[in-house]
Amino acid sequence: MPFPKPVIGEMIEIIYPEGNPQKARIPYPVFRALIYGVLGYVFVVLGMEITGWW
């Protein structure tokens, strides 16, 4: 499991769009930044490969 499982009774922050509680999730900002960083790197490398800068 990549994220620690909350202990029963532990207070955690849950976010969701206003009016859509079915889309509730626990925020993991570090994981999200890591995913976007990897995707950004891949797109830059692909762009450099396509344009011939690599």
N, C-alpha and C. Protein backbone atom coordinates (compact mmCIF):
# COMPACT_ATOMS: atom_id res chain seq x y z
N MET A 1 0.84 -1.17 0.00
CA MET A 1 0.00 0.00 0.00
C MET A 1 0.89 1.24 0.00
N PRO A 2 0.74 2.14 -0.95
CA PRO A 2 1.64 3.29 -1.03
C PRO A 2 1.38 4.36 0.04
N PHE A 3 0.21 4.36 0.64
CA PHE A 3 -0.12 5.38 1.65
C PHE A 3 -0.46 4.70 2.96
N PRO A 4 -0.08 5.31 4.07
CA PRO A 4 -0.40 4.70 5.36
C PRO A 4 -1.91 4.66 5.60
N LYS A 5 -2.38 3.56 6.13
CA LYS A 5 -3.80 3.40 6.42
C LYS A 5 -4.11 4.13 7.72
N PRO A 6 -5.13 4.99 7.74
CA PRO A 6 -5.47 5.69 8.98
C PRO A 6 -5.92 4.71 10.06
N VAL A 7 -5.58 5.03 11.29
CA VAL A 7 -5.98 4.22 12.43
C VAL A 7 -7.43 4.58 12.77
N ILE A 8 -8.19 3.60 13.22
CA ILE A 8 -9.58 3.85 13.59
C ILE A 8 -9.63 4.92 14.68
N GLY A 9 -10.43 5.94 14.46
CA GLY A 9 -10.56 7.05 15.39
C GLY A 9 -9.65 8.23 15.09
N GLU A 10 -8.73 8.06 14.16
CA GLU A 10 -7.81 9.14 13.80
C GLU A 10 -8.55 10.20 12.98
N MET A 11 -8.27 11.46 13.25
CA MET A 11 -8.88 12.56 12.50
C MET A 11 -8.04 12.81 11.25
N ILE A 12 -8.68 12.76 10.09
CA ILE A 12 -8.00 13.03 8.83
C ILE A 12 -8.79 14.06 8.05
N GLU A 13 -8.10 14.78 7.17
CA GLU A 13 -8.76 15.79 6.34
C GLU A 13 -9.27 15.11 5.06
N ILE A 14 -10.50 15.39 4.73
CA ILE A 14 -11.09 14.89 3.50
C ILE A 14 -11.62 16.08 2.73
N ILE A 15 -11.31 16.14 1.43
CA ILE A 15 -11.79 17.25 0.61
C ILE A 15 -12.70 16.70 -0.48
N TYR A 16 -13.62 17.55 -0.91
CA TYR A 16 -14.54 17.19 -2.00
C TYR A 16 -15.11 18.46 -2.60
N PRO A 17 -15.50 18.41 -3.89
CA PRO A 17 -16.11 19.57 -4.52
C PRO A 17 -17.44 19.89 -3.84
N GLU A 18 -17.73 21.16 -3.71
CA GLU A 18 -18.96 21.59 -3.06
C GLU A 18 -20.18 20.98 -3.78
N GLY A 19 -21.02 20.31 -3.03
CA GLY A 19 -22.20 19.70 -3.59
C GLY A 19 -21.98 18.30 -4.15
N ASN A 20 -20.75 17.78 -4.09
CA ASN A 20 -20.44 16.44 -4.60
C ASN A 20 -19.68 15.62 -3.56
N PRO A 21 -20.33 15.25 -2.47
CA PRO A 21 -19.59 14.47 -1.46
C PRO A 21 -19.19 13.08 -1.94
N GLN A 22 -19.80 12.58 -3.02
CA GLN A 22 -19.42 11.27 -3.55
C GLN A 22 -18.02 11.31 -4.16
N LYS A 23 -17.47 12.50 -4.40
CA LYS A 23 -16.12 12.63 -4.94
C LYS A 23 -15.09 12.95 -3.85
N ALA A 24 -15.40 12.60 -2.62
CA ALA A 24 -14.50 12.87 -1.50
C ALA A 24 -13.22 12.07 -1.64
N ARG A 25 -12.10 12.69 -1.21
CA ARG A 25 -10.81 12.01 -1.26
C ARG A 25 -9.90 12.57 -0.18
N ILE A 26 -8.90 11.81 0.17
CA ILE A 26 -7.88 12.27 1.11
C ILE A 26 -6.78 12.91 0.28
N PRO A 27 -6.42 14.17 0.56
CA PRO A 27 -5.40 14.83 -0.26
C PRO A 27 -4.00 14.29 0.04
N TYR A 28 -3.25 14.04 -1.01
CA TYR A 28 -1.85 13.64 -0.93
C TYR A 28 -1.05 14.57 -1.84
N PRO A 29 -0.71 15.78 -1.37
CA PRO A 29 -0.05 16.76 -2.25
C PRO A 29 1.32 16.32 -2.76
N VAL A 30 2.08 15.59 -1.98
CA VAL A 30 3.41 15.16 -2.42
C VAL A 30 3.27 14.14 -3.57
N PHE A 31 2.35 13.21 -3.42
CA PHE A 31 2.12 12.22 -4.46
C PHE A 31 1.64 12.89 -5.74
N ARG A 32 0.73 13.85 -5.61
CA ARG A 32 0.21 14.56 -6.78
C ARG A 32 1.33 15.33 -7.48
N ALA A 33 2.18 16.01 -6.71
CA ALA A 33 3.30 16.75 -7.30
C ALA A 33 4.27 15.81 -8.00
N LEU A 34 4.50 14.65 -7.42
CA LEU A 34 5.40 13.67 -8.03
C LEU A 34 4.84 13.18 -9.37
N ILE A 35 3.57 12.87 -9.41
CA ILE A 35 2.94 12.41 -10.65
C ILE A 35 3.02 13.49 -11.73
N TYR A 36 2.67 14.73 -11.38
CA TYR A 36 2.73 15.82 -12.36
C TYR A 36 4.17 16.09 -12.80
N GLY A 37 5.13 15.96 -11.89
CA GLY A 37 6.53 16.15 -12.26
C GLY A 37 7.00 15.11 -13.26
N VAL A 38 6.65 13.85 -13.02
CA VAL A 38 7.03 12.78 -13.93
C VAL A 38 6.37 12.96 -15.29
N LEU A 39 5.08 13.28 -15.30
CA LEU A 39 4.39 13.51 -16.57
C LEU A 39 4.99 14.70 -17.33
N GLY A 40 5.30 15.76 -16.61
CA GLY A 40 5.92 16.92 -17.25
C GLY A 40 7.26 16.57 -17.87
N TYR A 41 8.06 15.80 -17.15
CA TYR A 41 9.37 15.38 -17.67
C TYR A 41 9.20 14.55 -18.94
N VAL A 42 8.25 13.62 -18.92
CA VAL A 42 8.01 12.78 -20.09
C VAL A 42 7.59 13.62 -21.29
N PHE A 43 6.71 14.59 -21.09
CA PHE A 43 6.27 15.44 -22.19
C PHE A 43 7.41 16.30 -22.73
N VAL A 44 8.28 16.79 -21.86
CA VAL A 44 9.42 17.60 -22.31
C VAL A 44 10.37 16.73 -23.13
N VAL A 45 10.67 15.54 -22.65
CA VAL A 45 11.57 14.65 -23.38
C VAL A 45 10.96 14.27 -24.73
N LEU A 46 9.67 13.95 -24.74
CA LEU A 46 9.02 13.61 -26.02
C LEU A 46 9.04 14.81 -26.98
N GLY A 47 8.79 16.00 -26.46
CA GLY A 47 8.83 17.19 -27.31
C GLY A 47 10.22 17.43 -27.87
N MET A 48 11.24 17.22 -27.05
CA MET A 48 12.61 17.40 -27.52
C MET A 48 12.97 16.34 -28.56
N GLU A 49 12.48 15.14 -28.36
CA GLU A 49 12.74 14.06 -29.32
C GLU A 49 12.06 14.34 -30.65
N ILE A 50 10.83 14.81 -30.61
CA ILE A 50 10.08 15.09 -31.84
C ILE A 50 10.70 16.26 -32.60
N THR A 51 11.12 17.30 -31.89
CA THR A 51 11.68 18.48 -32.56
C THR A 51 13.15 18.32 -32.92
N GLY A 52 13.81 17.28 -32.43
CA GLY A 52 15.20 17.05 -32.78
C GLY A 52 16.19 17.72 -31.87
N TRP A 53 15.80 18.21 -30.72
CA TRP A 53 16.71 18.88 -29.79
C TRP A 53 17.44 17.86 -28.93
N TRP A 54 17.06 16.61 -28.97
CA TRP A 54 17.64 15.60 -28.09
C TRP A 54 18.81 14.93 -28.74
